[in-house]
């Protein structure tokens, strides 16, 4: 049963200490800023920490994911693109050895999350084979090419930004804001979506629904 939360704070209640949290977004696009801000307040209130965050990036500027990292509540981040011109919050934490980093090539990262939602136990990929990213991983030669074994990513919570939802939790996305949202929604035990509008069941074109409501637990309207 999908819960329509009255506000972001109610939506993120109960994120446990040590949780793995998937956060959608490709940089700012599709990043659930209101839910992240609410999570910052929640971990400050409860004292929860030791979080593992999965995102494509490691935060931009000082808002959103970067602000969450700045709280010191994140033990580790798994991402494909940790360094960019405005990722100074992450840079500072990493250089001070206050955060762990696991780099996963973007395609591998996406497939690991998708595999988590699909119930796949692992997959072989040539991406990263023979490089530092493949060190320590099981290898196998397929069609004469070295592959490495990658494992799925499962999470306790997914925070995703969608465009609209219906009261059944079915989600549609807007343009590039879609990015990692659909696969993250399927890979978490609890998915929380922020949207611009909640409409009655039947108001969304079924052909446009990308994330079925079965994957969504809580929805909150934000502006």
N, C-alpha and C. Protein backbone atom coordinates (compact mmCIF):
# COMPACT_ATOMS: atom_id res chain seq x y z
N UNK A 1 0.84 -1.19 0.00
CA UNK A 1 0.00 0.00 0.00
C UNK A 1 0.88 1.25 0.00
N UNK A 2 0.66 2.12 -0.93
CA UNK A 2 1.45 3.35 -1.03
C UNK A 2 0.92 4.39 -0.05
N UNK A 3 1.85 5.04 0.63
CA UNK A 3 1.49 6.13 1.53
C UNK A 3 1.78 7.45 0.86
N UNK A 4 0.81 8.35 0.85
CA UNK A 4 1.04 9.71 0.38
C UNK A 4 1.44 10.52 1.60
N UNK A 5 2.71 10.82 1.72
CA UNK A 5 3.21 11.51 2.91
C UNK A 5 2.84 13.00 2.85
N UNK A 6 2.53 13.58 4.01
CA UNK A 6 2.16 15.00 4.02
C UNK A 6 3.31 15.95 3.77
N UNK A 7 4.53 15.49 4.04
CA UNK A 7 5.70 16.35 3.86
C UNK A 7 6.95 15.46 3.75
N UNK A 8 8.07 16.01 3.26
CA UNK A 8 9.28 15.21 3.10
C UNK A 8 9.78 14.59 4.41
N UNK A 9 9.63 15.32 5.52
CA UNK A 9 10.10 14.78 6.80
C UNK A 9 9.38 13.48 7.14
N UNK A 10 8.08 13.45 6.92
CA UNK A 10 7.32 12.22 7.19
C UNK A 10 7.73 11.11 6.22
N UNK A 11 8.05 11.50 4.99
CA UNK A 11 8.38 10.50 3.97
C UNK A 11 9.65 9.74 4.31
N UNK A 12 10.64 10.40 4.93
CA UNK A 12 11.93 9.73 5.16
C UNK A 12 12.05 9.17 6.57
N UNK A 13 11.00 9.24 7.36
CA UNK A 13 11.08 8.70 8.72
C UNK A 13 11.48 7.23 8.70
N UNK A 14 12.38 6.86 9.60
CA UNK A 14 12.70 5.45 9.77
C UNK A 14 13.90 4.96 8.99
N UNK A 15 14.67 5.86 8.39
CA UNK A 15 15.90 5.41 7.72
C UNK A 15 16.88 4.97 8.80
N UNK A 16 17.27 3.68 8.81
CA UNK A 16 18.04 3.17 9.94
C UNK A 16 19.53 3.48 9.86
N UNK A 17 20.17 3.41 10.99
CA UNK A 17 21.61 3.53 11.08
C UNK A 17 22.25 2.45 10.23
N UNK A 18 23.26 2.82 9.45
CA UNK A 18 23.95 1.83 8.62
C UNK A 18 23.25 1.49 7.32
N UNK A 19 22.21 2.23 6.97
CA UNK A 19 21.43 1.90 5.77
C UNK A 19 22.22 2.18 4.50
N UNK A 20 21.94 1.39 3.47
CA UNK A 20 22.40 1.69 2.12
C UNK A 20 21.28 2.45 1.42
N UNK A 21 21.61 3.64 0.91
CA UNK A 21 20.61 4.55 0.36
C UNK A 21 20.94 4.83 -1.11
N UNK A 22 20.04 4.47 -2.00
CA UNK A 22 20.16 4.84 -3.40
C UNK A 22 19.55 6.22 -3.58
N UNK A 23 20.26 7.09 -4.27
CA UNK A 23 19.75 8.45 -4.52
C UNK A 23 19.84 8.72 -6.01
N UNK A 24 18.69 8.96 -6.63
CA UNK A 24 18.68 9.18 -8.07
C UNK A 24 19.32 10.51 -8.42
N UNK A 25 19.65 10.68 -9.69
CA UNK A 25 20.23 11.93 -10.14
C UNK A 25 21.45 11.73 -10.98
N UNK A 26 21.56 12.58 -11.98
CA UNK A 26 22.74 12.62 -12.83
C UNK A 26 23.26 14.04 -12.70
N UNK A 27 24.05 14.28 -11.62
CA UNK A 27 24.27 15.64 -11.23
C UNK A 27 22.96 16.17 -10.67
N UNK A 28 22.63 17.41 -10.93
CA UNK A 28 21.38 17.96 -10.40
C UNK A 28 20.12 17.35 -11.02
N UNK A 29 20.19 16.87 -12.26
CA UNK A 29 19.01 16.35 -12.94
C UNK A 29 18.48 15.10 -12.26
N UNK A 30 17.26 15.17 -11.79
CA UNK A 30 16.64 14.02 -11.17
C UNK A 30 17.04 13.79 -9.73
N UNK A 31 17.77 14.73 -9.15
CA UNK A 31 18.19 14.58 -7.75
C UNK A 31 17.03 15.00 -6.84
N UNK A 32 16.64 14.18 -5.88
CA UNK A 32 15.49 14.49 -5.01
C UNK A 32 15.89 15.40 -3.86
N UNK A 33 16.03 16.68 -4.17
CA UNK A 33 16.59 17.64 -3.20
C UNK A 33 15.77 17.71 -1.91
N UNK A 34 14.45 17.72 -2.04
CA UNK A 34 13.63 17.86 -0.83
C UNK A 34 13.78 16.64 0.08
N UNK A 35 13.84 15.46 -0.51
CA UNK A 35 14.01 14.25 0.30
C UNK A 35 15.40 14.21 0.93
N UNK A 36 16.41 14.66 0.20
CA UNK A 36 17.75 14.68 0.78
C UNK A 36 17.81 15.65 1.96
N UNK A 37 17.22 16.83 1.78
CA UNK A 37 17.20 17.79 2.90
C UNK A 37 16.47 17.21 4.10
N UNK A 38 15.38 16.50 3.85
CA UNK A 38 14.64 15.88 4.94
C UNK A 38 15.47 14.78 5.59
N UNK A 39 16.22 14.03 4.78
CA UNK A 39 17.08 12.98 5.35
C UNK A 39 18.17 13.58 6.23
N UNK A 40 18.71 14.72 5.80
CA UNK A 40 19.72 15.40 6.63
C UNK A 40 19.13 15.73 8.00
N UNK A 41 17.91 16.27 8.00
CA UNK A 41 17.24 16.59 9.27
C UNK A 41 16.97 15.31 10.07
N UNK A 42 16.57 14.25 9.38
CA UNK A 42 16.22 13.00 10.05
C UNK A 42 17.45 12.38 10.74
N UNK A 43 18.57 12.29 10.04
CA UNK A 43 19.75 11.69 10.66
C UNK A 43 20.30 12.59 11.77
N UNK A 44 20.08 13.90 11.62
CA UNK A 44 20.48 14.79 12.70
C UNK A 44 19.63 14.60 13.94
N UNK A 45 18.35 14.31 13.71
CA UNK A 45 17.43 14.11 14.83
C UNK A 45 17.64 12.77 15.52
N UNK A 46 17.85 11.72 14.72
CA UNK A 46 17.93 10.37 15.28
C UNK A 46 19.35 9.94 15.62
N UNK A 47 20.33 10.62 15.02
CA UNK A 47 21.71 10.21 15.23
C UNK A 47 22.15 9.09 14.32
N UNK A 48 21.28 8.70 13.39
CA UNK A 48 21.64 7.64 12.44
C UNK A 48 22.81 8.09 11.57
N UNK A 49 23.65 7.16 11.24
CA UNK A 49 24.81 7.47 10.40
C UNK A 49 25.35 6.20 9.80
N UNK A 50 26.64 6.22 9.48
CA UNK A 50 27.28 5.04 8.89
C UNK A 50 26.57 4.63 7.60
N UNK A 51 26.04 5.64 6.88
CA UNK A 51 25.27 5.35 5.68
C UNK A 51 26.19 5.02 4.51
N UNK A 52 25.69 4.18 3.62
CA UNK A 52 26.34 3.94 2.33
C UNK A 52 25.41 4.53 1.27
N UNK A 53 25.92 5.48 0.50
CA UNK A 53 25.12 6.17 -0.51
C UNK A 53 25.57 5.74 -1.90
N UNK A 54 24.60 5.47 -2.75
CA UNK A 54 24.88 5.11 -4.14
C UNK A 54 24.28 6.18 -5.03
N UNK A 55 25.11 6.80 -5.86
CA UNK A 55 24.67 7.85 -6.77
C UNK A 55 25.66 7.87 -7.93
N UNK A 56 25.28 8.44 -9.04
CA UNK A 56 26.23 8.50 -10.15
C UNK A 56 27.41 9.40 -9.83
N UNK A 57 27.15 10.46 -9.09
CA UNK A 57 28.18 11.44 -8.77
C UNK A 57 28.44 11.45 -7.26
N UNK A 58 29.34 12.35 -6.86
CA UNK A 58 29.64 12.49 -5.44
C UNK A 58 29.25 13.87 -4.94
N UNK A 59 28.24 14.45 -5.57
CA UNK A 59 27.72 15.71 -5.08
C UNK A 59 28.25 16.91 -5.84
N UNK A 60 27.41 17.93 -5.92
CA UNK A 60 27.78 19.18 -6.60
C UNK A 60 27.60 20.35 -5.63
N UNK A 61 28.56 21.24 -5.62
CA UNK A 61 28.43 22.43 -4.79
C UNK A 61 28.26 22.07 -3.32
N UNK A 62 27.29 22.68 -2.70
CA UNK A 62 27.08 22.45 -1.26
C UNK A 62 25.64 22.10 -0.94
N UNK A 63 24.86 21.77 -1.96
CA UNK A 63 23.46 21.43 -1.73
C UNK A 63 23.20 19.97 -2.10
N UNK A 64 22.01 19.49 -1.78
CA UNK A 64 21.63 18.14 -2.15
C UNK A 64 22.57 17.09 -1.57
N UNK A 65 23.05 16.20 -2.43
CA UNK A 65 23.92 15.12 -1.98
C UNK A 65 25.17 15.65 -1.29
N UNK A 66 25.74 16.73 -1.81
CA UNK A 66 26.93 17.30 -1.17
C UNK A 66 26.63 17.71 0.27
N UNK A 67 25.47 18.30 0.50
CA UNK A 67 25.10 18.69 1.86
C UNK A 67 24.96 17.47 2.77
N UNK A 68 24.43 16.37 2.23
CA UNK A 68 24.33 15.14 3.02
C UNK A 68 25.72 14.63 3.39
N UNK A 69 26.64 14.64 2.43
CA UNK A 69 28.01 14.20 2.72
C UNK A 69 28.64 15.07 3.80
N UNK A 70 28.34 16.37 3.75
CA UNK A 70 28.95 17.30 4.70
C UNK A 70 28.53 17.04 6.14
N UNK A 71 27.44 16.33 6.34
CA UNK A 71 27.00 16.04 7.71
C UNK A 71 27.92 15.04 8.41
N UNK A 72 28.73 14.31 7.63
CA UNK A 72 29.59 13.29 8.21
C UNK A 72 28.85 12.00 8.53
N UNK A 73 27.60 11.89 8.08
CA UNK A 73 26.80 10.69 8.36
C UNK A 73 26.98 9.61 7.31
N UNK A 74 27.71 9.90 6.25
CA UNK A 74 27.90 8.93 5.17
C UNK A 74 29.28 8.30 5.31
N UNK A 75 29.29 6.99 5.51
CA UNK A 75 30.57 6.27 5.66
C UNK A 75 31.21 6.00 4.31
N UNK A 76 30.37 5.71 3.30
CA UNK A 76 30.92 5.27 2.01
C UNK A 76 30.01 5.74 0.89
N UNK A 77 30.61 6.08 -0.25
CA UNK A 77 29.82 6.39 -1.43
C UNK A 77 30.27 5.49 -2.57
N UNK A 78 29.30 4.97 -3.29
CA UNK A 78 29.55 4.16 -4.49
C UNK A 78 29.06 4.99 -5.67
N UNK A 79 29.94 5.29 -6.61
CA UNK A 79 29.56 6.15 -7.73
C UNK A 79 30.49 5.90 -8.90
N UNK A 80 30.14 6.50 -10.03
CA UNK A 80 30.98 6.32 -11.22
C UNK A 80 31.83 7.55 -11.52
N UNK A 81 31.47 8.68 -10.94
CA UNK A 81 32.10 9.94 -11.34
C UNK A 81 32.30 10.80 -10.10
N UNK A 82 33.33 10.47 -9.29
CA UNK A 82 33.45 11.16 -7.99
C UNK A 82 34.04 12.56 -8.06
N UNK A 83 34.75 12.89 -9.14
CA UNK A 83 35.45 14.18 -9.15
C UNK A 83 34.98 15.05 -10.30
N UNK A 84 34.59 16.24 -9.97
CA UNK A 84 34.28 17.25 -10.96
C UNK A 84 34.60 18.60 -10.35
N UNK A 85 34.41 19.63 -11.13
CA UNK A 85 34.92 20.93 -10.71
C UNK A 85 34.31 21.42 -9.40
N UNK A 86 33.06 21.02 -9.11
CA UNK A 86 32.41 21.54 -7.90
C UNK A 86 32.12 20.45 -6.87
N UNK A 87 32.93 19.40 -6.87
CA UNK A 87 32.71 18.32 -5.89
C UNK A 87 33.64 18.52 -4.68
N UNK A 88 33.79 19.76 -4.24
CA UNK A 88 34.78 20.05 -3.20
C UNK A 88 34.41 19.46 -1.84
N UNK A 89 33.13 19.26 -1.57
CA UNK A 89 32.77 18.66 -0.28
C UNK A 89 33.29 17.23 -0.22
N UNK A 90 33.01 16.46 -1.27
CA UNK A 90 33.52 15.09 -1.29
C UNK A 90 35.04 15.09 -1.29
N UNK A 91 35.66 15.95 -2.10
CA UNK A 91 37.12 15.98 -2.17
C UNK A 91 37.73 16.18 -0.79
N UNK A 92 37.18 17.12 -0.02
CA UNK A 92 37.71 17.40 1.29
C UNK A 92 37.58 16.21 2.24
N UNK A 93 36.41 15.57 2.20
CA UNK A 93 36.19 14.41 3.07
C UNK A 93 37.11 13.26 2.69
N UNK A 94 37.28 13.05 1.39
CA UNK A 94 38.10 11.92 0.93
C UNK A 94 39.57 12.14 1.28
N UNK A 95 40.04 13.35 1.07
CA UNK A 95 41.44 13.64 1.39
C UNK A 95 41.70 13.55 2.89
N UNK A 96 40.67 13.82 3.69
CA UNK A 96 40.80 13.72 5.15
C UNK A 96 40.52 12.29 5.64
N UNK A 97 40.26 11.38 4.68
CA UNK A 97 39.97 9.97 5.00
C UNK A 97 38.76 9.83 5.91
N UNK A 98 37.77 10.69 5.62
CA UNK A 98 36.54 10.63 6.41
C UNK A 98 35.41 9.98 5.62
N UNK A 99 35.69 9.51 4.42
CA UNK A 99 34.68 8.82 3.62
C UNK A 99 35.37 7.79 2.72
N UNK A 100 34.73 6.63 2.57
CA UNK A 100 35.25 5.60 1.67
C UNK A 100 34.64 5.81 0.29
N UNK A 101 35.38 5.39 -0.72
CA UNK A 101 34.92 5.53 -2.10
C UNK A 101 35.04 4.20 -2.83
N UNK A 102 33.97 3.81 -3.50
CA UNK A 102 34.01 2.68 -4.42
C UNK A 102 33.60 3.19 -5.79
N UNK A 103 34.54 3.16 -6.73
CA UNK A 103 34.25 3.62 -8.09
C UNK A 103 33.78 2.44 -8.92
N UNK A 104 32.68 2.65 -9.61
CA UNK A 104 32.14 1.63 -10.50
C UNK A 104 31.85 2.31 -11.83
N UNK A 105 32.41 1.81 -12.93
CA UNK A 105 32.12 2.43 -14.23
C UNK A 105 30.61 2.58 -14.44
N UNK A 106 30.22 3.65 -15.12
CA UNK A 106 28.81 4.01 -15.15
C UNK A 106 27.89 2.88 -15.63
N UNK A 107 28.28 2.20 -16.69
CA UNK A 107 27.46 1.09 -17.17
C UNK A 107 27.39 -0.04 -16.16
N UNK A 108 28.54 -0.33 -15.53
CA UNK A 108 28.54 -1.37 -14.50
C UNK A 108 27.66 -0.97 -13.32
N UNK A 109 27.76 0.31 -12.93
CA UNK A 109 26.95 0.78 -11.81
C UNK A 109 25.46 0.62 -12.11
N UNK A 110 25.06 1.06 -13.29
CA UNK A 110 23.65 0.95 -13.65
C UNK A 110 23.20 -0.51 -13.69
N UNK A 111 24.04 -1.37 -14.26
CA UNK A 111 23.65 -2.78 -14.36
C UNK A 111 23.65 -3.46 -13.00
N UNK A 112 24.55 -3.06 -12.10
CA UNK A 112 24.56 -3.62 -10.75
C UNK A 112 23.27 -3.26 -10.02
N UNK A 113 22.81 -2.03 -10.19
CA UNK A 113 21.56 -1.61 -9.54
C UNK A 113 20.38 -2.36 -10.18
N UNK A 114 20.40 -2.41 -11.53
CA UNK A 114 19.31 -3.12 -12.22
C UNK A 114 19.27 -4.59 -11.79
N UNK A 115 20.46 -5.20 -11.67
CA UNK A 115 20.53 -6.60 -11.25
C UNK A 115 19.96 -6.77 -9.84
N UNK A 116 20.20 -5.77 -8.99
CA UNK A 116 19.65 -5.84 -7.64
C UNK A 116 18.14 -5.91 -7.66
N UNK A 117 17.53 -5.12 -8.54
CA UNK A 117 16.07 -5.12 -8.63
C UNK A 117 15.52 -6.34 -9.34
N UNK A 118 16.31 -6.92 -10.23
CA UNK A 118 15.84 -8.05 -11.04
C UNK A 118 16.11 -9.39 -10.38
N UNK A 119 16.83 -9.38 -9.25
CA UNK A 119 17.12 -10.63 -8.57
C UNK A 119 18.24 -11.43 -9.20
N UNK A 120 19.11 -10.77 -9.94
CA UNK A 120 20.24 -11.43 -10.59
C UNK A 120 21.41 -11.48 -9.61
N UNK A 121 22.04 -12.64 -9.51
CA UNK A 121 23.08 -12.82 -8.50
C UNK A 121 24.42 -12.22 -8.85
N UNK A 122 24.63 -11.87 -10.11
CA UNK A 122 25.89 -11.29 -10.54
C UNK A 122 25.97 -11.39 -12.06
N UNK A 123 26.96 -10.71 -12.64
CA UNK A 123 27.10 -10.76 -14.10
C UNK A 123 28.55 -10.49 -14.46
N UNK A 124 28.95 -11.00 -15.62
CA UNK A 124 30.31 -10.77 -16.12
C UNK A 124 30.29 -9.62 -17.13
N UNK A 125 31.29 -8.77 -17.04
CA UNK A 125 31.40 -7.63 -17.95
C UNK A 125 32.87 -7.40 -18.30
N UNK A 126 33.16 -6.99 -19.53
CA UNK A 126 34.55 -6.68 -19.87
C UNK A 126 35.00 -5.32 -19.34
N UNK A 127 34.05 -4.47 -18.97
CA UNK A 127 34.39 -3.12 -18.52
C UNK A 127 35.11 -3.17 -17.17
N UNK A 128 36.32 -2.70 -17.14
CA UNK A 128 37.12 -2.71 -15.92
C UNK A 128 38.11 -3.86 -15.87
N UNK A 129 37.93 -4.88 -16.73
CA UNK A 129 38.84 -6.02 -16.73
C UNK A 129 40.24 -5.56 -17.13
N UNK A 130 41.24 -6.05 -16.41
CA UNK A 130 42.61 -5.69 -16.70
C UNK A 130 43.02 -4.32 -16.20
N UNK A 131 42.16 -3.68 -15.43
CA UNK A 131 42.48 -2.36 -14.86
C UNK A 131 42.44 -2.46 -13.33
N UNK A 132 42.77 -1.37 -12.66
CA UNK A 132 42.71 -1.35 -11.20
C UNK A 132 41.29 -1.62 -10.70
N UNK A 133 40.28 -1.24 -11.48
CA UNK A 133 38.90 -1.45 -11.06
C UNK A 133 38.53 -2.93 -11.04
N UNK A 134 39.32 -3.75 -11.75
CA UNK A 134 39.04 -5.18 -11.79
C UNK A 134 39.87 -5.98 -10.81
N UNK A 135 40.78 -5.33 -10.10
CA UNK A 135 41.66 -6.05 -9.18
C UNK A 135 40.87 -6.71 -8.06
N UNK A 136 41.20 -7.99 -7.81
CA UNK A 136 40.54 -8.73 -6.73
C UNK A 136 39.21 -9.32 -7.11
N UNK A 137 38.74 -9.07 -8.33
CA UNK A 137 37.44 -9.60 -8.76
C UNK A 137 37.63 -10.88 -9.57
N UNK A 138 36.67 -11.76 -9.46
CA UNK A 138 36.71 -13.01 -10.21
C UNK A 138 36.70 -12.71 -11.70
N UNK A 139 37.52 -13.41 -12.44
CA UNK A 139 37.60 -13.17 -13.89
C UNK A 139 37.23 -14.43 -14.66
N UNK A 140 36.82 -14.20 -15.90
CA UNK A 140 36.47 -15.32 -16.77
C UNK A 140 36.66 -14.86 -18.22
N UNK A 141 37.17 -15.74 -19.05
CA UNK A 141 37.34 -15.41 -20.46
C UNK A 141 36.11 -15.86 -21.23
N UNK A 142 35.46 -14.91 -21.88
CA UNK A 142 34.25 -15.19 -22.66
C UNK A 142 34.49 -14.69 -24.08
N UNK A 143 34.35 -15.59 -25.04
CA UNK A 143 34.61 -15.24 -26.45
C UNK A 143 35.99 -14.61 -26.61
N UNK A 144 36.96 -15.16 -25.88
CA UNK A 144 38.33 -14.70 -26.01
C UNK A 144 38.64 -13.38 -25.34
N UNK A 145 37.70 -12.87 -24.56
CA UNK A 145 37.90 -11.57 -23.91
C UNK A 145 37.73 -11.70 -22.41
N UNK A 146 38.61 -11.07 -21.67
CA UNK A 146 38.55 -11.17 -20.22
C UNK A 146 37.36 -10.36 -19.67
N UNK A 147 36.62 -10.99 -18.77
CA UNK A 147 35.51 -10.34 -18.10
C UNK A 147 35.73 -10.41 -16.59
N UNK A 148 35.10 -9.52 -15.87
CA UNK A 148 35.12 -9.56 -14.41
C UNK A 148 33.70 -9.77 -13.90
N UNK A 149 33.63 -10.38 -12.73
CA UNK A 149 32.32 -10.62 -12.12
C UNK A 149 31.92 -9.42 -11.25
N UNK A 150 30.77 -8.88 -11.54
CA UNK A 150 30.23 -7.78 -10.73
C UNK A 150 28.98 -8.27 -9.99
N UNK A 151 28.84 -7.79 -8.78
CA UNK A 151 27.70 -8.21 -7.96
C UNK A 151 26.62 -7.12 -7.91
N UNK A 152 25.38 -7.53 -7.67
CA UNK A 152 24.29 -6.55 -7.66
C UNK A 152 24.38 -5.62 -6.44
N UNK A 153 23.72 -4.50 -6.57
CA UNK A 153 23.59 -3.56 -5.46
C UNK A 153 22.15 -3.59 -4.97
N UNK A 154 22.01 -3.93 -3.70
CA UNK A 154 20.70 -3.87 -3.04
C UNK A 154 20.73 -2.71 -2.05
N UNK A 155 19.58 -2.20 -1.72
CA UNK A 155 19.56 -1.08 -0.79
C UNK A 155 18.40 -1.20 0.19
N UNK A 156 18.55 -0.50 1.29
CA UNK A 156 17.46 -0.42 2.26
C UNK A 156 16.42 0.61 1.82
N UNK A 157 16.92 1.70 1.25
CA UNK A 157 16.04 2.81 0.89
C UNK A 157 16.48 3.38 -0.46
N UNK A 158 15.50 3.77 -1.28
CA UNK A 158 15.79 4.54 -2.49
C UNK A 158 15.03 5.86 -2.41
N UNK A 159 15.74 6.94 -2.67
CA UNK A 159 15.12 8.27 -2.77
C UNK A 159 15.18 8.65 -4.24
N UNK A 160 14.02 8.83 -4.86
CA UNK A 160 14.01 9.12 -6.29
C UNK A 160 13.16 10.36 -6.56
N UNK A 161 13.52 11.04 -7.64
CA UNK A 161 12.76 12.20 -8.11
C UNK A 161 12.03 11.78 -9.39
N UNK A 162 10.70 11.84 -9.35
CA UNK A 162 9.89 11.57 -10.53
C UNK A 162 9.10 12.83 -10.86
N UNK A 163 8.35 12.79 -11.95
CA UNK A 163 7.56 13.97 -12.34
C UNK A 163 6.17 13.93 -11.71
N UNK A 164 5.44 12.89 -11.98
CA UNK A 164 4.09 12.76 -11.43
C UNK A 164 3.90 11.35 -10.91
N UNK A 165 2.95 11.23 -9.99
CA UNK A 165 2.56 9.91 -9.46
C UNK A 165 1.04 9.87 -9.40
N UNK A 166 0.50 8.65 -9.44
CA UNK A 166 -0.91 8.53 -9.10
C UNK A 166 -1.02 7.97 -7.68
N UNK A 167 -2.20 7.85 -7.18
CA UNK A 167 -2.37 7.44 -5.79
C UNK A 167 -2.02 5.98 -5.57
N UNK A 168 -1.76 5.26 -6.65
CA UNK A 168 -1.26 3.89 -6.53
C UNK A 168 0.25 3.81 -6.53
N UNK A 169 0.91 4.98 -6.63
CA UNK A 169 2.37 4.99 -6.60
C UNK A 169 3.02 4.81 -7.96
N UNK A 170 2.23 4.70 -9.01
CA UNK A 170 2.81 4.60 -10.34
C UNK A 170 3.50 5.93 -10.69
N UNK A 171 4.70 5.83 -11.27
CA UNK A 171 5.50 7.03 -11.50
C UNK A 171 5.78 7.25 -12.98
N UNK A 172 5.74 8.52 -13.38
CA UNK A 172 6.26 8.94 -14.68
C UNK A 172 7.36 9.95 -14.42
N UNK A 173 8.31 10.00 -15.32
CA UNK A 173 9.47 10.87 -15.16
C UNK A 173 9.47 11.93 -16.25
N UNK A 174 10.35 12.91 -16.08
CA UNK A 174 10.44 14.00 -17.06
C UNK A 174 11.86 14.07 -17.61
N UNK A 175 11.99 13.78 -18.89
CA UNK A 175 13.24 13.96 -19.64
C UNK A 175 14.44 13.34 -18.91
N UNK A 176 15.56 14.08 -18.80
CA UNK A 176 16.77 13.48 -18.23
C UNK A 176 16.64 13.22 -16.74
N UNK A 177 15.61 13.78 -16.11
CA UNK A 177 15.39 13.52 -14.70
C UNK A 177 15.09 12.05 -14.41
N UNK A 178 14.81 11.31 -15.47
CA UNK A 178 14.50 9.87 -15.30
C UNK A 178 15.72 9.07 -14.88
N UNK A 179 16.82 9.29 -15.51
CA UNK A 179 18.11 8.58 -15.33
C UNK A 179 18.06 7.32 -14.45
N UNK A 180 18.58 7.36 -13.24
CA UNK A 180 18.70 6.15 -12.42
C UNK A 180 17.42 5.82 -11.63
N UNK A 181 16.42 6.70 -11.69
CA UNK A 181 15.24 6.51 -10.85
C UNK A 181 14.55 5.17 -10.99
N UNK A 182 14.25 4.72 -12.21
CA UNK A 182 13.51 3.45 -12.34
C UNK A 182 14.25 2.24 -11.78
N UNK A 183 15.54 2.13 -12.06
CA UNK A 183 16.25 0.94 -11.57
C UNK A 183 16.47 1.02 -10.06
N UNK A 184 16.64 2.23 -9.54
CA UNK A 184 16.82 2.36 -8.09
C UNK A 184 15.52 2.04 -7.35
N UNK A 185 14.39 2.44 -7.94
CA UNK A 185 13.12 2.16 -7.28
C UNK A 185 12.89 0.66 -7.13
N UNK A 186 13.41 -0.12 -8.07
CA UNK A 186 13.20 -1.57 -8.03
C UNK A 186 14.20 -2.29 -7.14
N UNK A 187 15.31 -1.62 -6.78
CA UNK A 187 16.40 -2.30 -6.09
C UNK A 187 16.40 -2.08 -4.59
N UNK A 188 15.42 -1.36 -4.06
CA UNK A 188 15.43 -1.04 -2.64
C UNK A 188 14.26 -1.70 -1.91
N UNK A 189 14.47 -1.96 -0.63
CA UNK A 189 13.38 -2.51 0.19
C UNK A 189 12.26 -1.47 0.36
N UNK A 190 12.66 -0.19 0.39
CA UNK A 190 11.67 0.87 0.56
C UNK A 190 12.01 2.00 -0.41
N UNK A 191 11.06 2.37 -1.24
CA UNK A 191 11.28 3.44 -2.20
C UNK A 191 10.40 4.63 -1.86
N UNK A 192 11.04 5.79 -1.81
CA UNK A 192 10.35 7.04 -1.50
C UNK A 192 10.53 7.97 -2.69
N UNK A 193 9.42 8.47 -3.22
CA UNK A 193 9.48 9.31 -4.42
C UNK A 193 8.95 10.70 -4.12
N UNK A 194 9.69 11.72 -4.58
CA UNK A 194 9.14 13.06 -4.54
C UNK A 194 8.70 13.42 -5.96
N UNK A 195 7.54 14.06 -6.05
CA UNK A 195 6.93 14.37 -7.34
C UNK A 195 6.32 15.76 -7.28
N UNK A 196 5.95 16.28 -8.44
CA UNK A 196 5.32 17.60 -8.47
C UNK A 196 3.82 17.52 -8.29
N UNK A 197 3.26 16.31 -8.48
CA UNK A 197 1.80 16.21 -8.44
C UNK A 197 1.40 14.75 -8.23
N UNK A 198 0.36 14.55 -7.46
CA UNK A 198 -0.26 13.23 -7.33
C UNK A 198 -1.66 13.29 -7.93
N UNK A 199 -1.95 12.39 -8.84
CA UNK A 199 -3.23 12.41 -9.55
C UNK A 199 -3.99 11.12 -9.22
N UNK A 200 -5.28 11.09 -9.49
CA UNK A 200 -6.05 9.87 -9.22
C UNK A 200 -5.59 8.70 -10.08
N UNK A 201 -5.80 7.51 -9.58
CA UNK A 201 -5.50 6.30 -10.37
C UNK A 201 -6.33 6.35 -11.65
N UNK A 202 -5.66 6.10 -12.76
CA UNK A 202 -6.32 6.14 -14.05
C UNK A 202 -6.05 7.41 -14.83
N UNK A 203 -5.50 8.42 -14.15
CA UNK A 203 -5.23 9.69 -14.81
C UNK A 203 -3.92 9.67 -15.61
N UNK A 204 -3.03 8.73 -15.28
CA UNK A 204 -1.78 8.61 -16.02
C UNK A 204 -1.95 7.66 -17.19
N UNK A 205 -1.34 8.00 -18.32
CA UNK A 205 -1.34 7.09 -19.46
C UNK A 205 -0.54 5.84 -19.07
N UNK A 206 -1.16 4.67 -19.07
CA UNK A 206 -0.44 3.46 -18.66
C UNK A 206 0.84 3.23 -19.46
N UNK A 207 0.83 3.66 -20.72
CA UNK A 207 2.02 3.46 -21.55
C UNK A 207 3.17 4.37 -21.13
N UNK A 208 2.86 5.43 -20.35
CA UNK A 208 3.90 6.37 -19.92
C UNK A 208 4.45 6.02 -18.54
N UNK A 209 3.79 5.10 -17.84
CA UNK A 209 4.26 4.72 -16.50
C UNK A 209 5.55 3.91 -16.64
N UNK A 210 6.61 4.39 -16.01
CA UNK A 210 7.91 3.72 -16.08
C UNK A 210 8.14 2.86 -14.84
N UNK A 211 7.80 3.41 -13.68
CA UNK A 211 7.93 2.66 -12.43
C UNK A 211 6.56 2.27 -11.92
N UNK A 212 6.22 0.99 -11.93
CA UNK A 212 4.92 0.57 -11.40
C UNK A 212 4.84 0.81 -9.89
N UNK A 213 3.67 1.06 -9.42
CA UNK A 213 3.47 1.35 -8.01
C UNK A 213 3.89 0.25 -7.06
N UNK A 214 4.03 -0.96 -7.56
CA UNK A 214 4.44 -2.07 -6.69
C UNK A 214 5.83 -1.84 -6.11
N UNK A 215 6.62 -0.99 -6.78
CA UNK A 215 7.98 -0.71 -6.30
C UNK A 215 8.03 0.52 -5.38
N UNK A 216 6.93 1.19 -5.18
CA UNK A 216 6.94 2.47 -4.47
C UNK A 216 6.18 2.35 -3.16
N UNK A 217 6.79 2.86 -2.10
CA UNK A 217 6.18 2.77 -0.77
C UNK A 217 5.61 4.09 -0.28
N UNK A 218 6.33 5.18 -0.57
CA UNK A 218 5.88 6.48 -0.09
C UNK A 218 6.06 7.51 -1.22
N UNK A 219 5.12 8.42 -1.30
CA UNK A 219 5.16 9.51 -2.27
C UNK A 219 4.91 10.81 -1.53
N UNK A 220 5.65 11.84 -1.92
CA UNK A 220 5.42 13.15 -1.34
C UNK A 220 5.48 14.19 -2.46
N UNK A 221 4.61 15.17 -2.38
CA UNK A 221 4.59 16.26 -3.35
C UNK A 221 5.53 17.36 -2.88
N UNK A 222 6.42 17.77 -3.77
CA UNK A 222 7.32 18.89 -3.48
C UNK A 222 7.31 19.84 -4.66
N UNK A 223 7.74 21.05 -4.44
CA UNK A 223 7.77 22.05 -5.52
C UNK A 223 9.20 22.44 -5.84
